[in-house]
Amino acid sequence: MSEGKPAAAGTLDRYPLARLVYSIYKKRLTGFMSLKAAGEQDTLIYFRDGTPVAALLPRNAEHLGRILLETGVITPAVYDQSLRRLAESGLRQGEILIEMGAITDEQLTQGLKLQLRRKLTGLFGASAGEFAIYVADHQYG
């Protein structure tokens, strides 16, 4: 995915991810960063005013429901019911849990923040690959 010419591009061995994220934060950029490791699909990290607001990973990330279950926000029975409805409906798990009355909007927001933190934390170990940073508006955050 690209939005024209990137504002910056390079390799993670020369510019570590933590340094890139900090630079985006300091500059308060809105846009996204594309990360590509050899043989893998792009990982996209979206920023609004320098703060990460979404991360789309090519591999399966931890389901929101699993995070809410681990943190005690929902019960195992609610989790299982939400998984069944997820398979049937195609809705997002957070939407399903709200519809079920199992969580509040605030609990959804906190769960999504924790999910994003976990996704980003997993990326910081990457030391090889390429990045491109695009300054562009987007639908996230």
Protein backbone atom coordinates (compact mmCIF):
# COMPACT_ATOMS: atom_id res chain seq x y z
CA MET A 1 0.00 0.00 0.00
CA SER A 2 1.33 3.42 -0.81
CA GLU A 3 0.14 6.98 -1.08
CA GLY A 4 2.54 8.28 -3.68
CA LYS A 5 6.13 8.93 -2.76
CA PRO A 6 7.13 8.16 0.83
CA ALA A 7 8.29 11.00 3.09
CA ALA A 8 11.07 8.69 4.28
CA ALA A 9 12.27 5.18 3.45
CA GLY A 10 15.13 2.92 4.40
CA THR A 11 16.11 -0.22 6.25
CA LEU A 12 15.51 -1.24 9.86
CA ASP A 13 19.13 -2.21 10.37
CA ARG A 14 20.07 1.42 9.75
CA TYR A 15 16.99 3.05 11.34
CA PRO A 16 15.59 0.90 14.17
CA LEU A 17 11.82 0.87 14.61
CA ALA A 18 11.96 2.57 18.03
CA ARG A 19 13.88 5.48 16.51
CA LEU A 20 11.37 5.77 13.66
CA VAL A 21 8.35 5.74 15.98
CA TYR A 22 9.97 8.35 18.21
CA SER A 23 10.72 10.56 15.19
CA ILE A 24 7.11 10.30 14.00
CA TYR A 25 5.95 11.18 17.52
CA LYS A 26 8.25 14.21 17.77
CA LYS A 27 7.08 15.49 14.37
CA ARG A 28 3.42 14.77 15.23
CA LEU A 29 2.88 13.17 11.82
CA THR A 30 -0.42 11.79 10.60
CA GLY A 31 0.02 8.96 8.15
CA PHE A 32 1.32 5.43 8.16
CA MET A 33 4.49 3.39 8.13
CA SER A 34 4.83 0.30 5.99
CA LEU A 35 7.24 -2.37 7.26
CA LYS A 36 8.33 -5.22 5.02
CA ALA A 37 10.48 -8.16 6.04
CA ALA A 38 11.87 -10.50 3.38
CA GLY A 39 9.17 -12.82 2.07
CA GLU A 40 6.36 -11.32 4.16
CA GLN A 41 3.41 -9.05 3.49
CA ASP A 42 3.52 -5.46 4.66
CA THR A 43 2.78 -4.53 8.23
CA LEU A 44 1.09 -1.13 8.46
CA ILE A 45 1.23 1.15 11.48
CA TYR A 46 -1.09 4.16 11.38
CA PHE A 47 -0.33 7.39 13.27
CA ARG A 48 -2.46 10.41 14.10
CA ASP A 49 -0.59 13.48 15.36
CA GLY A 50 2.41 11.26 16.07
CA THR A 51 0.56 8.67 18.16
CA PRO A 52 0.08 5.10 16.91
CA VAL A 53 -3.65 4.47 16.47
CA ALA A 54 -3.80 1.18 14.52
CA ALA A 55 -1.56 -1.64 13.36
CA LEU A 56 -2.44 -4.11 10.62
CA LEU A 57 -0.26 -7.20 10.76
CA PRO A 58 -0.11 -9.87 8.05
CA ARG A 59 -0.24 -12.63 10.65
CA ASN A 60 -3.06 -13.21 13.07
CA ALA A 61 -2.93 -10.95 16.07
CA GLU A 62 -4.48 -11.72 19.40
CA HIS A 63 -8.27 -11.38 19.30
CA LEU A 64 -9.74 -8.53 21.30
CA GLY A 65 -11.98 -11.00 23.11
CA ARG A 66 -8.96 -12.98 24.33
CA ILE A 67 -7.48 -9.78 25.76
CA LEU A 68 -10.75 -8.86 27.47
CA LEU A 69 -10.97 -12.40 28.88
CA GLU A 70 -7.38 -12.26 30.20
CA THR A 71 -8.03 -8.93 31.88
CA GLY A 72 -11.23 -10.16 33.52
CA VAL A 73 -13.58 -7.87 31.60
CA ILE A 74 -15.57 -10.78 30.14
CA THR A 75 -16.18 -14.36 31.27
CA PRO A 76 -15.20 -17.51 29.37
CA ALA A 77 -18.87 -18.09 28.50
CA VAL A 78 -19.21 -14.58 26.99
CA TYR A 79 -15.93 -15.08 25.11
CA ASP A 80 -17.15 -18.38 23.62
CA GLN A 81 -20.50 -16.86 22.66
CA SER A 82 -18.77 -13.91 20.98
CA LEU A 83 -16.56 -16.31 18.96
CA ARG A 84 -19.65 -18.16 17.70
CA ARG A 85 -21.29 -14.88 16.69
CA LEU A 86 -18.03 -13.71 15.11
CA ALA A 87 -17.95 -16.79 12.85
CA GLU A 88 -21.62 -16.31 11.90
CA SER A 89 -21.82 -12.55 11.41
CA GLY A 90 -18.53 -11.22 10.08
CA LEU A 91 -18.78 -8.31 12.54
CA ARG A 92 -15.80 -7.24 14.61
CA GLN A 93 -15.57 -8.85 18.02
CA GLY A 94 -15.81 -5.51 19.82
CA GLU A 95 -19.06 -4.69 18.00
CA ILE A 96 -20.45 -8.08 18.95
CA LEU A 97 -19.54 -7.67 22.62
CA ILE A 98 -21.13 -4.20 22.69
CA GLU A 99 -24.31 -5.59 21.06
CA MET A 100 -24.36 -8.39 23.64
CA GLY A 101 -24.18 -5.80 26.43
CA ALA A 102 -21.05 -7.56 27.70
CA ILE A 103 -18.79 -4.49 27.59
CA THR A 104 -19.06 -0.72 27.63
CA ASP A 105 -17.59 1.68 25.09
CA GLU A 106 -14.87 2.54 27.63
CA GLN A 107 -13.97 -1.14 28.10
CA LEU A 108 -13.81 -1.53 24.31
CA THR A 109 -11.49 1.47 24.03
CA GLN A 110 -9.20 0.17 26.79
CA GLY A 111 -9.13 -3.31 25.24
CA LEU A 112 -8.27 -1.91 21.80
CA LYS A 113 -5.47 0.19 23.30
CA LEU A 114 -3.98 -2.87 24.99
CA GLN A 115 -4.32 -4.87 21.78
CA LEU A 116 -2.45 -2.14 19.85
CA ARG A 117 0.30 -1.98 22.49
CA ARG A 118 0.79 -5.74 22.22
CA LYS A 119 0.96 -5.59 18.42
CA LEU A 120 3.52 -2.79 18.51
CA THR A 121 5.61 -4.43 21.22
CA GLY A 122 5.89 -7.54 19.06
CA LEU A 123 7.25 -5.47 16.18
CA PHE A 124 10.10 -3.86 18.13
CA GLY A 125 12.18 -7.02 17.86
CA ALA A 126 12.47 -6.62 14.09
CA SER A 127 15.97 -5.68 13.03
CA ALA A 128 15.82 -6.55 9.35
CA GLY A 129 13.50 -5.30 6.66
CA GLU A 130 12.51 -2.13 4.91
CA PHE A 131 10.27 0.75 5.94
CA ALA A 132 8.48 3.57 4.21
CA ILE A 133 6.67 6.44 5.94
CA TYR A 134 3.77 8.17 4.20
CA VAL A 135 2.15 11.40 5.33
CA ALA A 136 -1.55 11.08 4.51
CA ASP A 137 -4.90 11.18 6.22
CA HIS A 138 -6.57 7.84 7.00
CA GLN A 139 -9.65 6.37 8.64
CA TYR A 140 -8.05 5.33 11.94
CA GLY A 141 -8.01 7.21 15.23
